[in-house]
Amino acid sequence: MTLKRHQQHLITSLALGELLQRFRIGHLSVEKLAVKLDGHFRGEIAREQWEREGPGWRRTMEAGDRRDRVFVRLVDESYRAAVAAGPASALLEFQDRSDRS
């Protein structure tokens, strides 16, 4: 894995961690979390990150409380649904966008 791809996976993991924290404190309902995860797993980086790190997240969340277990179950369901829906969206390289000045 390249350094750039590793950095992308780290950012994706941080985004997922933020969703977890917002879910834990009640700022995201199950329904809102499902919408966020649907968008999250449209991208190839998020899918790669979950393929690579999902087992560790599952082990950690299974040792947590009920909300942690619900969270990881929803993440798994969203990931599987995204994969079943078809290929991920291609990565848009921000630095290669022609509309930047």
N, C-alpha and C. Protein backbone atom coordinates (compact mmCIF):
# COMPACT_ATOMS: atom_id res chain seq x y z
N MET A 1 0.84 -1.18 0.00
CA MET A 1 0.00 0.00 0.00
C MET A 1 0.89 1.24 0.00
N THR A 2 0.52 2.19 -0.81
CA THR A 2 1.29 3.43 -0.88
C THR A 2 1.02 4.28 0.37
N LEU A 3 1.91 5.22 0.61
CA LEU A 3 1.73 6.14 1.73
C LEU A 3 0.43 6.93 1.55
N LYS A 4 0.18 7.38 0.34
CA LYS A 4 -1.04 8.16 0.09
C LYS A 4 -2.29 7.33 0.39
N ARG A 5 -2.31 6.08 -0.04
CA ARG A 5 -3.48 5.23 0.20
C ARG A 5 -3.63 4.98 1.69
N HIS A 6 -2.51 4.77 2.39
CA HIS A 6 -2.56 4.58 3.84
C HIS A 6 -3.17 5.82 4.51
N GLN A 7 -2.77 7.00 4.07
CA GLN A 7 -3.32 8.23 4.63
C GLN A 7 -4.82 8.32 4.37
N GLN A 8 -5.25 7.91 3.19
CA GLN A 8 -6.67 7.93 2.86
C GLN A 8 -7.44 6.97 3.77
N HIS A 9 -6.86 5.81 4.03
CA HIS A 9 -7.50 4.85 4.94
C HIS A 9 -7.59 5.42 6.35
N LEU A 10 -6.55 6.12 6.79
CA LEU A 10 -6.57 6.73 8.12
C LEU A 10 -7.67 7.77 8.23
N ILE A 11 -7.82 8.60 7.23
CA ILE A 11 -8.86 9.63 7.25
C ILE A 11 -10.24 8.98 7.25
N THR A 12 -10.40 7.92 6.47
CA THR A 12 -11.68 7.21 6.43
C THR A 12 -11.98 6.58 7.78
N SER A 13 -10.96 6.03 8.43
CA SER A 13 -11.13 5.44 9.75
C SER A 13 -11.52 6.51 10.78
N LEU A 14 -10.92 7.68 10.66
CA LEU A 14 -11.28 8.78 11.56
C LEU A 14 -12.72 9.22 11.35
N ALA A 15 -13.16 9.25 10.09
CA ALA A 15 -14.55 9.62 9.80
C ALA A 15 -15.51 8.60 10.42
N LEU A 16 -15.16 7.32 10.32
CA LEU A 16 -15.99 6.29 10.92
C LEU A 16 -15.99 6.41 12.45
N GLY A 17 -14.84 6.74 13.01
CA GLY A 17 -14.75 6.96 14.45
C GLY A 17 -15.61 8.12 14.91
N GLU A 18 -15.68 9.18 14.09
CA GLU A 18 -16.55 10.31 14.43
C GLU A 18 -18.01 9.87 14.42
N LEU A 19 -18.40 9.07 13.43
CA LEU A 19 -19.78 8.56 13.39
C LEU A 19 -20.07 7.73 14.64
N LEU A 20 -19.12 6.91 15.05
CA LEU A 20 -19.29 6.11 16.26
C LEU A 20 -19.53 7.00 17.47
N GLN A 21 -18.72 8.02 17.63
CA GLN A 21 -18.86 8.90 18.80
C GLN A 21 -20.20 9.64 18.78
N ARG A 22 -20.61 10.11 17.61
CA ARG A 22 -21.89 10.81 17.51
C ARG A 22 -23.05 9.86 17.79
N PHE A 23 -22.91 8.60 17.38
CA PHE A 23 -23.94 7.60 17.66
C PHE A 23 -23.97 7.26 19.15
N ARG A 24 -22.80 7.12 19.76
CA ARG A 24 -22.72 6.80 21.19
C ARG A 24 -23.41 7.84 22.06
N ILE A 25 -23.24 9.11 21.72
CA ILE A 25 -23.79 10.17 22.57
C ILE A 25 -25.21 10.57 22.16
N GLY A 26 -25.75 9.90 21.15
CA GLY A 26 -27.13 10.13 20.77
C GLY A 26 -27.36 11.24 19.75
N HIS A 27 -26.31 11.77 19.15
CA HIS A 27 -26.47 12.79 18.13
C HIS A 27 -26.87 12.21 16.78
N LEU A 28 -26.71 10.90 16.61
CA LEU A 28 -27.14 10.21 15.40
C LEU A 28 -28.06 9.08 15.80
N SER A 29 -29.25 9.09 15.25
CA SER A 29 -30.17 7.97 15.45
C SER A 29 -29.73 6.82 14.55
N VAL A 30 -30.32 5.66 14.75
CA VAL A 30 -30.04 4.52 13.87
C VAL A 30 -30.34 4.89 12.43
N GLU A 31 -31.45 5.57 12.21
CA GLU A 31 -31.85 5.96 10.85
C GLU A 31 -30.85 6.93 10.21
N LYS A 32 -30.44 7.93 10.96
CA LYS A 32 -29.47 8.90 10.43
C LYS A 32 -28.11 8.24 10.21
N LEU A 33 -27.71 7.36 11.11
CA LEU A 33 -26.46 6.64 10.93
C LEU A 33 -26.49 5.81 9.65
N ALA A 34 -27.61 5.15 9.39
CA ALA A 34 -27.74 4.34 8.18
C ALA A 34 -27.56 5.19 6.93
N VAL A 35 -28.11 6.40 6.93
CA VAL A 35 -27.95 7.31 5.79
C VAL A 35 -26.49 7.70 5.62
N LYS A 36 -25.84 8.05 6.74
CA LYS A 36 -24.42 8.43 6.68
C LYS A 36 -23.56 7.27 6.18
N LEU A 37 -23.84 6.07 6.66
CA LEU A 37 -23.04 4.91 6.25
C LEU A 37 -23.27 4.57 4.78
N ASP A 38 -24.49 4.78 4.31
CA ASP A 38 -24.78 4.54 2.89
C ASP A 38 -23.86 5.41 2.03
N GLY A 39 -23.75 6.67 2.38
CA GLY A 39 -22.86 7.57 1.65
C GLY A 39 -21.40 7.20 1.84
N HIS A 40 -21.04 6.82 3.04
CA HIS A 40 -19.66 6.46 3.37
C HIS A 40 -19.17 5.32 2.48
N PHE A 41 -19.97 4.28 2.33
CA PHE A 41 -19.53 3.10 1.60
C PHE A 41 -19.77 3.16 0.10
N ARG A 42 -20.16 4.31 -0.41
CA ARG A 42 -20.20 4.47 -1.86
C ARG A 42 -18.80 4.58 -2.44
N GLY A 43 -17.86 5.00 -1.62
CA GLY A 43 -16.49 5.22 -2.10
C GLY A 43 -15.60 4.01 -1.93
N GLU A 44 -14.64 3.91 -2.81
CA GLU A 44 -13.73 2.76 -2.79
C GLU A 44 -12.80 2.75 -1.57
N ILE A 45 -12.39 3.92 -1.11
CA ILE A 45 -11.48 3.98 0.04
C ILE A 45 -12.17 3.43 1.28
N ALA A 46 -13.41 3.83 1.52
CA ALA A 46 -14.14 3.34 2.69
C ALA A 46 -14.32 1.83 2.63
N ARG A 47 -14.62 1.32 1.45
CA ARG A 47 -14.77 -0.13 1.32
C ARG A 47 -13.46 -0.86 1.58
N GLU A 48 -12.38 -0.35 1.01
CA GLU A 48 -11.07 -0.96 1.26
C GLU A 48 -10.72 -0.92 2.74
N GLN A 49 -10.98 0.22 3.37
CA GLN A 49 -10.64 0.38 4.78
C GLN A 49 -11.42 -0.63 5.62
N TRP A 50 -12.71 -0.82 5.33
CA TRP A 50 -13.50 -1.76 6.12
C TRP A 50 -13.08 -3.20 5.86
N GLU A 51 -12.73 -3.52 4.63
CA GLU A 51 -12.22 -4.87 4.33
C GLU A 51 -10.97 -5.15 5.16
N ARG A 52 -10.13 -4.15 5.28
CA ARG A 52 -8.86 -4.30 5.98
C ARG A 52 -9.01 -4.24 7.50
N GLU A 53 -9.82 -3.30 7.98
CA GLU A 53 -9.90 -3.04 9.42
C GLU A 53 -11.17 -3.52 10.09
N GLY A 54 -12.14 -3.98 9.31
CA GLY A 54 -13.41 -4.42 9.86
C GLY A 54 -13.29 -5.47 10.95
N PRO A 55 -12.45 -6.50 10.75
CA PRO A 55 -12.34 -7.51 11.81
C PRO A 55 -11.90 -6.93 13.16
N GLY A 56 -10.99 -5.98 13.14
CA GLY A 56 -10.55 -5.34 14.38
C GLY A 56 -11.65 -4.50 15.02
N TRP A 57 -12.38 -3.76 14.19
CA TRP A 57 -13.52 -2.99 14.69
C TRP A 57 -14.55 -3.94 15.32
N ARG A 58 -14.84 -5.06 14.65
CA ARG A 58 -15.84 -5.99 15.19
C ARG A 58 -15.40 -6.54 16.54
N ARG A 59 -14.15 -6.94 16.67
CA ARG A 59 -13.65 -7.46 17.96
C ARG A 59 -13.78 -6.40 19.06
N THR A 60 -13.38 -5.19 18.73
CA THR A 60 -13.43 -4.10 19.72
C THR A 60 -14.87 -3.78 20.12
N MET A 61 -15.75 -3.65 19.14
CA MET A 61 -17.13 -3.28 19.44
C MET A 61 -17.90 -4.40 20.15
N GLU A 62 -17.57 -5.64 19.87
CA GLU A 62 -18.23 -6.75 20.58
C GLU A 62 -17.87 -6.73 22.06
N ALA A 63 -16.74 -6.15 22.41
CA ALA A 63 -16.33 -6.04 23.82
C ALA A 63 -16.96 -4.81 24.48
N GLY A 64 -17.66 -3.99 23.69
CA GLY A 64 -18.25 -2.76 24.22
C GLY A 64 -19.67 -2.97 24.70
N ASP A 65 -20.39 -1.87 24.76
CA ASP A 65 -21.78 -1.92 25.22
C ASP A 65 -22.73 -2.16 24.05
N ARG A 66 -24.02 -2.11 24.33
CA ARG A 66 -25.03 -2.40 23.31
C ARG A 66 -24.94 -1.46 22.12
N ARG A 67 -24.71 -0.17 22.37
CA ARG A 67 -24.62 0.78 21.26
C ARG A 67 -23.42 0.46 20.37
N ASP A 68 -22.31 0.05 20.94
CA ASP A 68 -21.15 -0.34 20.14
C ASP A 68 -21.49 -1.53 19.24
N ARG A 69 -22.18 -2.50 19.80
CA ARG A 69 -22.55 -3.69 19.01
C ARG A 69 -23.55 -3.34 17.92
N VAL A 70 -24.49 -2.45 18.22
CA VAL A 70 -25.44 -2.00 17.20
C VAL A 70 -24.68 -1.25 16.09
N PHE A 71 -23.76 -0.39 16.50
CA PHE A 71 -22.99 0.38 15.53
C PHE A 71 -22.26 -0.54 14.55
N VAL A 72 -21.51 -1.49 15.06
CA VAL A 72 -20.72 -2.34 14.16
C VAL A 72 -21.63 -3.23 13.30
N ARG A 73 -22.78 -3.62 13.83
CA ARG A 73 -23.73 -4.39 13.02
C ARG A 73 -24.24 -3.54 11.87
N LEU A 74 -24.57 -2.28 12.14
CA LEU A 74 -25.04 -1.38 11.09
C LEU A 74 -23.95 -1.10 10.06
N VAL A 75 -22.73 -0.95 10.52
CA VAL A 75 -21.61 -0.73 9.59
C VAL A 75 -21.47 -1.94 8.68
N ASP A 76 -21.46 -3.13 9.26
CA ASP A 76 -21.36 -4.35 8.45
C ASP A 76 -22.50 -4.46 7.44
N GLU A 77 -23.72 -4.19 7.89
CA GLU A 77 -24.88 -4.27 6.99
C GLU A 77 -24.75 -3.26 5.86
N SER A 78 -24.33 -2.05 6.17
CA SER A 78 -24.18 -1.01 5.15
C SER A 78 -23.08 -1.37 4.17
N TYR A 79 -21.99 -1.89 4.69
CA TYR A 79 -20.89 -2.31 3.82
C TYR A 79 -21.36 -3.41 2.86
N ARG A 80 -22.00 -4.44 3.40
CA ARG A 80 -22.48 -5.55 2.55
C ARG A 80 -23.48 -5.07 1.51
N ALA A 81 -24.38 -4.18 1.90
CA ALA A 81 -25.36 -3.64 0.96
C ALA A 81 -24.68 -2.85 -0.15
N ALA A 82 -23.67 -2.06 0.20
CA ALA A 82 -22.94 -1.28 -0.80
C ALA A 82 -22.23 -2.19 -1.79
N VAL A 83 -21.58 -3.22 -1.28
CA VAL A 83 -20.88 -4.16 -2.16
C VAL A 83 -21.87 -4.87 -3.08
N ALA A 84 -23.01 -5.28 -2.52
CA ALA A 84 -24.03 -5.96 -3.33
C ALA A 84 -24.62 -5.04 -4.40
N ALA A 85 -24.62 -3.73 -4.13
CA ALA A 85 -25.20 -2.77 -5.07
C ALA A 85 -24.32 -2.54 -6.29
N GLY A 86 -23.06 -2.92 -6.21
CA GLY A 86 -22.19 -2.75 -7.37
C GLY A 86 -20.89 -2.06 -7.03
N PRO A 87 -20.12 -1.76 -8.06
CA PRO A 87 -18.80 -1.17 -7.85
C PRO A 87 -18.85 0.16 -7.12
N ALA A 88 -17.81 0.43 -6.38
CA ALA A 88 -17.69 1.69 -5.65
C ALA A 88 -17.43 2.83 -6.62
N SER A 89 -17.75 4.03 -6.18
CA SER A 89 -17.43 5.22 -6.96
C SER A 89 -15.92 5.35 -7.03
N ALA A 90 -15.44 5.74 -8.18
CA ALA A 90 -14.00 5.95 -8.34
C ALA A 90 -13.57 7.13 -7.48
N LEU A 91 -12.34 7.05 -7.02
CA LEU A 91 -11.78 8.11 -6.20
C LEU A 91 -11.56 9.36 -7.04
N LEU A 92 -12.09 10.48 -6.58
CA LEU A 92 -11.85 11.75 -7.24
C LEU A 92 -10.62 12.37 -6.59
N GLU A 93 -9.59 12.50 -7.37
CA GLU A 93 -8.34 13.07 -6.85
C GLU A 93 -8.47 14.59 -6.81
N PHE A 94 -8.60 15.13 -5.62
CA PHE A 94 -8.79 16.57 -5.46
C PHE A 94 -7.69 17.36 -6.17
N GLN A 95 -6.44 16.91 -6.01
CA GLN A 95 -5.35 17.67 -6.58
C GLN A 95 -5.33 17.62 -8.11
N ASP A 96 -6.07 16.71 -8.70
CA ASP A 96 -6.11 16.59 -10.16
C ASP A 96 -7.34 17.25 -10.75
N ARG A 97 -8.18 17.84 -9.94
CA ARG A 97 -9.40 18.47 -10.46
C ARG A 97 -9.05 19.70 -11.27
N SER A 98 -9.67 19.80 -12.44
CA SER A 98 -9.39 20.92 -13.33
C SER A 98 -10.06 22.22 -12.88
N ASP A 99 -11.04 22.14 -11.99
CA ASP A 99 -11.77 23.34 -11.57
C ASP A 99 -11.08 24.09 -10.43
N ARG A 100 -9.95 23.58 -9.96
CA ARG A 100 -9.20 24.28 -8.90
C ARG A 100 -8.41 25.42 -9.50
N SER A 101 -8.31 26.49 -8.77
CA SER A 101 -7.53 27.62 -9.30
C SER A 101 -6.14 27.63 -8.71
